[in-house]
Amino acid sequence: MQIVFGGAFNGKRQFVKQQLKVEEWSWYEGQCPESISERIVIAGFEKWVQLQLQNEVPEENIMQQVKEVSQQAGSSEQIWILTDMNRGIVPIDPVERELRDVIGRIYQHLFAEAQLITRIWYGIPQIIKGADHCENLYKNR
């Protein structure tokens, strides 16, 4: 499993699209897939989490679905495009604060499971985990 993360509008999707043959990947935008194909990209994930919270889905259920998908990383190639939310700023609004907290716990799980993590800072990639995999980054895709 690979993670590409950074702030909003920092070029995460563009980076992934430039590295992949996009037509060979299933792209999930704003959702968490229930069934996994061989090669998937999950983007806009925080929108899916926000919708789950608005529908009063318990955090445990959200985390369970994320774990089920991420645990299939051994049988499928996964790239998660994640937005860094709030950069440590705690929102005043309770709903936004809950979203930030839940996203933070989910990201901790995903980052621990990922073999390769790339931060995108205004279009510039920086490998922060899995640098030994760097030469194989998106190779043969």
N, C-alpha and C. Protein backbone atom coordinates (compact mmCIF):
# COMPACT_ATOMS: atom_id res chain seq x y z
N MET A 1 0.85 -1.18 0.00
CA MET A 1 0.00 0.00 0.00
C MET A 1 0.89 1.23 0.00
N GLN A 2 0.49 2.21 -0.79
CA GLN A 2 1.21 3.47 -0.86
C GLN A 2 0.28 4.61 -0.47
N ILE A 3 0.86 5.62 0.14
CA ILE A 3 0.10 6.81 0.50
C ILE A 3 0.79 8.02 -0.13
N VAL A 4 -0.02 8.87 -0.73
CA VAL A 4 0.44 10.17 -1.22
C VAL A 4 -0.41 11.18 -0.47
N PHE A 5 0.25 12.06 0.30
CA PHE A 5 -0.53 13.01 1.10
C PHE A 5 0.08 14.39 1.01
N GLY A 6 -0.72 15.36 1.41
CA GLY A 6 -0.30 16.76 1.44
C GLY A 6 -1.52 17.63 1.63
N GLY A 7 -1.29 18.91 1.63
CA GLY A 7 -2.39 19.86 1.80
C GLY A 7 -3.30 19.88 0.59
N ALA A 8 -4.43 20.53 0.77
CA ALA A 8 -5.39 20.67 -0.33
C ALA A 8 -4.74 21.42 -1.49
N PHE A 9 -5.00 20.97 -2.69
CA PHE A 9 -4.53 21.62 -3.91
C PHE A 9 -3.01 21.73 -3.98
N ASN A 10 -2.32 20.71 -3.48
CA ASN A 10 -0.85 20.68 -3.53
C ASN A 10 -0.33 19.80 -4.66
N GLY A 11 -1.20 19.22 -5.48
CA GLY A 11 -0.76 18.45 -6.63
C GLY A 11 -0.68 16.95 -6.41
N LYS A 12 -1.40 16.43 -5.42
CA LYS A 12 -1.34 15.00 -5.11
C LYS A 12 -1.87 14.15 -6.26
N ARG A 13 -3.06 14.46 -6.74
CA ARG A 13 -3.66 13.68 -7.82
C ARG A 13 -2.84 13.78 -9.10
N GLN A 14 -2.37 14.97 -9.39
CA GLN A 14 -1.55 15.16 -10.58
C GLN A 14 -0.28 14.31 -10.50
N PHE A 15 0.35 14.27 -9.34
CA PHE A 15 1.55 13.46 -9.15
C PHE A 15 1.25 11.99 -9.42
N VAL A 16 0.16 11.48 -8.85
CA VAL A 16 -0.19 10.07 -9.03
C VAL A 16 -0.51 9.80 -10.50
N LYS A 17 -1.28 10.66 -11.13
CA LYS A 17 -1.65 10.46 -12.54
C LYS A 17 -0.43 10.48 -13.45
N GLN A 18 0.56 11.29 -13.14
CA GLN A 18 1.77 11.35 -13.96
C GLN A 18 2.60 10.08 -13.83
N GLN A 19 2.48 9.38 -12.70
CA GLN A 19 3.30 8.21 -12.45
C GLN A 19 2.66 6.91 -12.94
N LEU A 20 1.35 6.92 -13.15
CA LEU A 20 0.62 5.69 -13.46
C LEU A 20 0.03 5.71 -14.85
N LYS A 21 -0.27 4.51 -15.34
CA LYS A 21 -1.15 4.39 -16.50
C LYS A 21 -2.56 4.34 -15.90
N VAL A 22 -3.17 5.49 -15.79
CA VAL A 22 -4.42 5.66 -15.03
C VAL A 22 -5.51 4.70 -15.50
N GLU A 23 -5.56 4.41 -16.79
CA GLU A 23 -6.62 3.54 -17.30
C GLU A 23 -6.52 2.12 -16.76
N GLU A 24 -5.37 1.75 -16.20
CA GLU A 24 -5.20 0.41 -15.63
C GLU A 24 -5.58 0.35 -14.15
N TRP A 25 -6.03 1.45 -13.60
CA TRP A 25 -6.36 1.52 -12.17
C TRP A 25 -7.82 1.88 -11.99
N SER A 26 -8.46 1.31 -10.96
CA SER A 26 -9.81 1.73 -10.57
C SER A 26 -9.67 2.91 -9.62
N TRP A 27 -10.36 3.98 -9.91
CA TRP A 27 -10.22 5.23 -9.17
C TRP A 27 -11.49 5.45 -8.35
N TYR A 28 -11.34 5.55 -7.03
CA TYR A 28 -12.46 5.81 -6.13
C TYR A 28 -12.31 7.22 -5.56
N GLU A 29 -13.20 8.09 -5.94
CA GLU A 29 -13.14 9.49 -5.51
C GLU A 29 -14.24 9.74 -4.50
N GLY A 30 -13.85 10.13 -3.28
CA GLY A 30 -14.84 10.45 -2.24
C GLY A 30 -15.58 9.25 -1.71
N GLN A 31 -14.97 8.08 -1.80
CA GLN A 31 -15.61 6.88 -1.28
C GLN A 31 -14.57 5.88 -0.82
N CYS A 32 -15.03 4.93 -0.04
CA CYS A 32 -14.19 3.83 0.42
C CYS A 32 -14.77 2.59 -0.24
N PRO A 33 -14.02 1.92 -1.11
CA PRO A 33 -14.59 0.79 -1.84
C PRO A 33 -14.97 -0.36 -0.93
N GLU A 34 -16.01 -1.06 -1.30
CA GLU A 34 -16.42 -2.24 -0.55
C GLU A 34 -15.77 -3.50 -1.12
N SER A 35 -15.59 -3.51 -2.43
CA SER A 35 -14.88 -4.63 -3.06
C SER A 35 -13.64 -4.05 -3.74
N ILE A 36 -12.59 -4.83 -3.76
CA ILE A 36 -11.30 -4.35 -4.21
C ILE A 36 -10.95 -5.00 -5.54
N SER A 37 -10.55 -4.17 -6.49
CA SER A 37 -9.99 -4.70 -7.73
C SER A 37 -8.48 -4.81 -7.54
N GLU A 38 -7.77 -5.23 -8.57
CA GLU A 38 -6.33 -5.42 -8.43
C GLU A 38 -5.57 -4.14 -8.14
N ARG A 39 -5.89 -3.09 -8.83
CA ARG A 39 -5.17 -1.81 -8.68
C ARG A 39 -6.18 -0.71 -8.40
N ILE A 40 -6.08 -0.12 -7.22
CA ILE A 40 -7.03 0.93 -6.87
C ILE A 40 -6.32 2.19 -6.37
N VAL A 41 -6.96 3.32 -6.65
CA VAL A 41 -6.56 4.60 -6.09
C VAL A 41 -7.77 5.12 -5.33
N ILE A 42 -7.54 5.49 -4.07
CA ILE A 42 -8.61 6.05 -3.24
C ILE A 42 -8.24 7.51 -2.99
N ALA A 43 -9.09 8.42 -3.45
CA ALA A 43 -8.84 9.86 -3.29
C ALA A 43 -10.08 10.53 -2.73
N GLY A 44 -9.91 11.71 -2.14
CA GLY A 44 -11.05 12.41 -1.56
C GLY A 44 -11.66 11.65 -0.40
N PHE A 45 -10.85 10.84 0.24
CA PHE A 45 -11.30 9.95 1.31
C PHE A 45 -11.94 10.70 2.47
N GLU A 46 -11.41 11.88 2.79
CA GLU A 46 -11.94 12.64 3.92
C GLU A 46 -13.40 13.03 3.70
N LYS A 47 -13.82 13.17 2.44
CA LYS A 47 -15.22 13.48 2.14
C LYS A 47 -16.11 12.29 2.51
N TRP A 48 -15.61 11.09 2.26
CA TRP A 48 -16.36 9.89 2.63
C TRP A 48 -16.49 9.79 4.15
N VAL A 49 -15.40 10.06 4.87
CA VAL A 49 -15.44 10.01 6.33
C VAL A 49 -16.44 11.04 6.86
N GLN A 50 -16.40 12.24 6.31
CA GLN A 50 -17.32 13.29 6.73
C GLN A 50 -18.77 12.86 6.52
N LEU A 51 -19.07 12.24 5.39
CA LEU A 51 -20.43 11.77 5.11
C LEU A 51 -20.84 10.69 6.10
N GLN A 52 -19.92 9.79 6.43
CA GLN A 52 -20.23 8.75 7.41
C GLN A 52 -20.57 9.37 8.77
N LEU A 53 -19.78 10.35 9.19
CA LEU A 53 -20.04 11.00 10.48
C LEU A 53 -21.37 11.76 10.46
N GLN A 54 -21.67 12.41 9.34
CA GLN A 54 -22.95 13.12 9.23
C GLN A 54 -24.12 12.16 9.31
N ASN A 55 -23.92 10.93 8.82
CA ASN A 55 -24.97 9.91 8.88
C ASN A 55 -24.93 9.13 10.19
N GLU A 56 -24.15 9.65 11.15
CA GLU A 56 -24.05 9.09 12.49
C GLU A 56 -23.54 7.64 12.52
N VAL A 57 -22.67 7.31 11.57
CA VAL A 57 -22.01 6.00 11.59
C VAL A 57 -20.94 6.07 12.67
N PRO A 58 -20.90 5.12 13.59
CA PRO A 58 -19.90 5.17 14.66
C PRO A 58 -18.47 5.07 14.12
N GLU A 59 -17.56 5.73 14.80
CA GLU A 59 -16.16 5.72 14.38
C GLU A 59 -15.63 4.30 14.25
N GLU A 60 -16.04 3.40 15.15
CA GLU A 60 -15.57 2.02 15.11
C GLU A 60 -15.95 1.35 13.78
N ASN A 61 -17.14 1.63 13.27
CA ASN A 61 -17.59 1.06 12.00
C ASN A 61 -16.79 1.63 10.83
N ILE A 62 -16.52 2.93 10.90
CA ILE A 62 -15.72 3.57 9.85
C ILE A 62 -14.32 2.95 9.83
N MET A 63 -13.72 2.84 11.01
CA MET A 63 -12.37 2.28 11.11
C MET A 63 -12.35 0.83 10.64
N GLN A 64 -13.38 0.08 10.96
CA GLN A 64 -13.44 -1.33 10.53
C GLN A 64 -13.43 -1.44 9.02
N GLN A 65 -14.20 -0.60 8.34
CA GLN A 65 -14.24 -0.65 6.88
C GLN A 65 -12.88 -0.28 6.30
N VAL A 66 -12.23 0.74 6.88
CA VAL A 66 -10.91 1.14 6.41
C VAL A 66 -9.91 0.00 6.60
N LYS A 67 -9.96 -0.65 7.74
CA LYS A 67 -9.05 -1.77 8.01
C LYS A 67 -9.28 -2.92 7.03
N GLU A 68 -10.54 -3.20 6.73
CA GLU A 68 -10.86 -4.29 5.79
C GLU A 68 -10.25 -4.00 4.42
N VAL A 69 -10.35 -2.76 3.97
CA VAL A 69 -9.79 -2.39 2.67
C VAL A 69 -8.27 -2.41 2.72
N SER A 70 -7.69 -1.79 3.74
CA SER A 70 -6.22 -1.70 3.80
C SER A 70 -5.57 -3.06 4.00
N GLN A 71 -6.25 -3.99 4.67
CA GLN A 71 -5.69 -5.32 4.87
C GLN A 71 -5.65 -6.13 3.59
N GLN A 72 -6.38 -5.70 2.58
CA GLN A 72 -6.36 -6.37 1.30
C GLN A 72 -5.20 -5.88 0.43
N ALA A 73 -4.36 -5.03 1.00
CA ALA A 73 -3.24 -4.46 0.24
C ALA A 73 -2.29 -5.55 -0.25
N GLY A 74 -2.25 -6.69 0.44
CA GLY A 74 -1.40 -7.78 0.00
C GLY A 74 -1.89 -8.41 -1.29
N SER A 75 -3.20 -8.38 -1.52
CA SER A 75 -3.77 -9.00 -2.72
C SER A 75 -4.09 -7.97 -3.80
N SER A 76 -3.93 -6.71 -3.50
CA SER A 76 -4.19 -5.66 -4.50
C SER A 76 -3.18 -4.53 -4.30
N GLU A 77 -2.95 -3.79 -5.36
CA GLU A 77 -2.12 -2.61 -5.25
C GLU A 77 -3.03 -1.44 -4.89
N GLN A 78 -2.65 -0.71 -3.85
CA GLN A 78 -3.47 0.40 -3.38
C GLN A 78 -2.64 1.67 -3.26
N ILE A 79 -3.20 2.76 -3.74
CA ILE A 79 -2.63 4.08 -3.51
C ILE A 79 -3.74 4.91 -2.87
N TRP A 80 -3.46 5.42 -1.69
CA TRP A 80 -4.40 6.29 -0.98
C TRP A 80 -3.88 7.72 -1.12
N ILE A 81 -4.71 8.61 -1.66
CA ILE A 81 -4.37 10.03 -1.76
C ILE A 81 -5.11 10.71 -0.61
N LEU A 82 -4.35 11.20 0.36
CA LEU A 82 -4.93 11.73 1.59
C LEU A 82 -4.61 13.21 1.76
N THR A 83 -5.58 13.94 2.25
CA THR A 83 -5.39 15.37 2.49
C THR A 83 -5.02 15.60 3.95
N ASP A 84 -3.92 16.31 4.14
CA ASP A 84 -3.49 16.69 5.49
C ASP A 84 -4.47 17.74 5.98
N MET A 85 -5.17 17.41 7.06
CA MET A 85 -6.25 18.28 7.53
C MET A 85 -5.81 19.16 8.69
N ASN A 86 -5.90 20.45 8.52
CA ASN A 86 -5.76 21.46 9.57
C ASN A 86 -4.35 21.69 10.11
N ARG A 87 -3.39 20.89 9.72
CA ARG A 87 -1.99 21.11 10.14
C ARG A 87 -1.87 21.38 11.64
N GLY A 88 -2.60 20.63 12.45
CA GLY A 88 -2.50 20.75 13.90
C GLY A 88 -3.41 21.79 14.52
N ILE A 89 -4.14 22.52 13.71
CA ILE A 89 -5.06 23.54 14.24
C ILE A 89 -6.36 22.84 14.63
N VAL A 90 -6.80 23.06 15.86
CA VAL A 90 -8.03 22.43 16.35
C VAL A 90 -9.21 23.33 15.99
N PRO A 91 -10.15 22.81 15.18
CA PRO A 91 -11.31 23.61 14.79
C PRO A 91 -12.21 23.93 15.99
N ILE A 92 -12.85 25.08 15.96
CA ILE A 92 -13.79 25.46 17.00
C ILE A 92 -15.09 24.68 16.85
N ASP A 93 -15.53 24.48 15.61
CA ASP A 93 -16.77 23.76 15.34
C ASP A 93 -16.64 22.30 15.78
N PRO A 94 -17.56 21.81 16.63
CA PRO A 94 -17.46 20.44 17.14
C PRO A 94 -17.49 19.36 16.05
N VAL A 95 -18.27 19.59 14.99
CA VAL A 95 -18.37 18.62 13.91
C VAL A 95 -17.03 18.54 13.16
N GLU A 96 -16.44 19.68 12.86
CA GLU A 96 -15.15 19.71 12.18
C GLU A 96 -14.05 19.14 13.08
N ARG A 97 -14.16 19.37 14.36
CA ARG A 97 -13.18 18.83 15.31
C ARG A 97 -13.26 17.30 15.34
N GLU A 98 -14.50 16.77 15.34
CA GLU A 98 -14.67 15.31 15.32
C GLU A 98 -14.09 14.74 14.03
N LEU A 99 -14.35 15.38 12.89
CA LEU A 99 -13.81 14.92 11.62
C LEU A 99 -12.29 14.89 11.66
N ARG A 100 -11.69 15.96 12.16
CA ARG A 100 -10.23 16.02 12.25
C ARG A 100 -9.69 14.91 13.14
N ASP A 101 -10.33 14.66 14.27
CA ASP A 101 -9.88 13.62 15.20
C ASP A 101 -10.00 12.22 14.59
N VAL A 102 -11.14 11.95 13.96
CA VAL A 102 -11.36 10.63 13.36
C VAL A 102 -10.39 10.42 12.21
N ILE A 103 -10.24 11.42 11.36
CA ILE A 103 -9.29 11.33 10.24
C ILE A 103 -7.88 11.08 10.78
N GLY A 104 -7.51 11.76 11.85
CA GLY A 104 -6.19 11.58 12.44
C GLY A 104 -5.95 10.14 12.88
N ARG A 105 -6.93 9.53 13.51
CA ARG A 105 -6.78 8.15 13.96
C ARG A 105 -6.73 7.17 12.77
N ILE A 106 -7.55 7.44 11.75
CA ILE A 106 -7.53 6.60 10.55
C ILE A 106 -6.18 6.72 9.86
N TYR A 107 -5.69 7.93 9.70
CA TYR A 107 -4.40 8.14 9.04
C TYR A 107 -3.28 7.45 9.80
N GLN A 108 -3.33 7.45 11.13
CA GLN A 108 -2.30 6.74 11.91
C GLN A 108 -2.27 5.27 11.52
N HIS A 109 -3.45 4.67 11.40
CA HIS A 109 -3.52 3.26 10.99
C HIS A 109 -2.95 3.08 9.58
N LEU A 110 -3.41 3.89 8.64
CA LEU A 110 -2.97 3.75 7.25
C LEU A 110 -1.47 3.99 7.11
N PHE A 111 -0.94 4.99 7.78
CA PHE A 111 0.49 5.30 7.68
C PHE A 111 1.33 4.16 8.26
N ALA A 112 0.84 3.53 9.33
CA ALA A 112 1.57 2.40 9.91
C ALA A 112 1.59 1.21 8.96
N GLU A 113 0.53 1.00 8.21
CA GLU A 113 0.43 -0.13 7.30
C GLU A 113 1.15 0.09 5.98
N ALA A 114 1.31 1.33 5.56
CA ALA A 114 1.86 1.64 4.24
C ALA A 114 3.34 1.28 4.13
N GLN A 115 3.71 0.80 2.95
CA GLN A 115 5.12 0.52 2.68
C GLN A 115 5.83 1.75 2.13
N LEU A 116 5.08 2.61 1.46
CA LEU A 116 5.67 3.80 0.85
C LEU A 116 4.76 5.00 1.11
N ILE A 117 5.33 6.08 1.64
CA ILE A 117 4.57 7.30 1.90
C ILE A 117 5.30 8.46 1.24
N THR A 118 4.57 9.20 0.42
CA THR A 118 5.12 10.36 -0.28
C THR A 118 4.32 11.59 0.11
N ARG A 119 5.01 12.61 0.59
CA ARG A 119 4.36 13.88 0.88
C ARG A 119 4.54 14.77 -0.36
N ILE A 120 3.47 15.43 -0.76
CA ILE A 120 3.52 16.37 -1.88
C ILE A 120 3.38 17.78 -1.31
N TRP A 121 4.37 18.59 -1.57
CA TRP A 121 4.37 19.97 -1.11
C TRP A 121 4.43 20.85 -2.34
N TYR A 122 3.28 21.38 -2.74
CA TYR A 122 3.17 22.22 -3.93
C TYR A 122 3.82 21.58 -5.14
N GLY A 123 3.47 20.32 -5.36
CA GLY A 123 3.93 19.58 -6.53
C GLY A 123 5.26 18.88 -6.38
N ILE A 124 5.97 19.10 -5.27
CA ILE A 124 7.27 18.49 -5.07
C ILE A 124 7.12 17.27 -4.17
N PRO A 125 7.49 16.08 -4.68
CA PRO A 125 7.36 14.87 -3.86
C PRO A 125 8.53 14.69 -2.90
N GLN A 126 8.22 14.19 -1.72
CA GLN A 126 9.24 13.86 -0.72
C GLN A 126 8.86 12.52 -0.12
N ILE A 127 9.73 11.53 -0.27
CA ILE A 127 9.50 10.22 0.31
C ILE A 127 9.79 10.32 1.81
N ILE A 128 8.79 9.97 2.63
CA ILE A 128 9.03 10.04 4.08
C ILE A 128 9.01 8.67 4.74
N LYS A 129 8.60 7.64 3.98
CA LYS A 129 8.68 6.26 4.48
C LYS A 129 8.88 5.37 3.27
N GLY A 130 9.81 4.43 3.41
CA GLY A 130 10.03 3.48 2.34
C GLY A 130 10.99 3.97 1.28
N ALA A 131 11.96 4.80 1.67
CA ALA A 131 12.92 5.33 0.70
C ALA A 131 13.67 4.21 -0.01
N ASP A 132 13.82 3.05 0.65
CA ASP A 132 14.49 1.92 0.02
C ASP A 132 13.67 1.37 -1.16
N HIS A 133 12.39 1.70 -1.21
CA HIS A 133 11.54 1.31 -2.34
C HIS A 133 11.53 2.36 -3.44
N CYS A 134 12.26 3.42 -3.25
CA CYS A 134 12.19 4.57 -4.15
C CYS A 134 12.51 4.19 -5.60
N GLU A 135 13.51 3.33 -5.81
CA GLU A 135 13.86 2.99 -7.18
C GLU A 135 12.76 2.18 -7.86
N ASN A 136 11.90 1.54 -7.08
CA ASN A 136 10.78 0.78 -7.65
C ASN A 136 9.50 1.61 -7.68
N LEU A 137 9.58 2.87 -7.32
CA LEU A 137 8.41 3.72 -7.25
C LEU A 137 7.70 3.76 -8.60
N TYR A 138 6.49 3.24 -8.63
CA TYR A 138 5.64 3.24 -9.81
C TYR A 138 6.30 2.56 -11.01
N LYS A 139 7.27 1.69 -10.76
CA LYS A 139 7.95 0.98 -11.83
C LYS A 139 6.99 -0.02 -12.46
N ASN A 140 7.07 -0.12 -13.76
CA ASN A 140 6.26 -1.09 -14.53
C ASN A 140 4.77 -0.87 -14.37
N ARG A 141 4.35 0.35 -14.28
CA ARG A 141 2.91 0.60 -14.13
C ARG A 141 2.37 1.28 -15.34
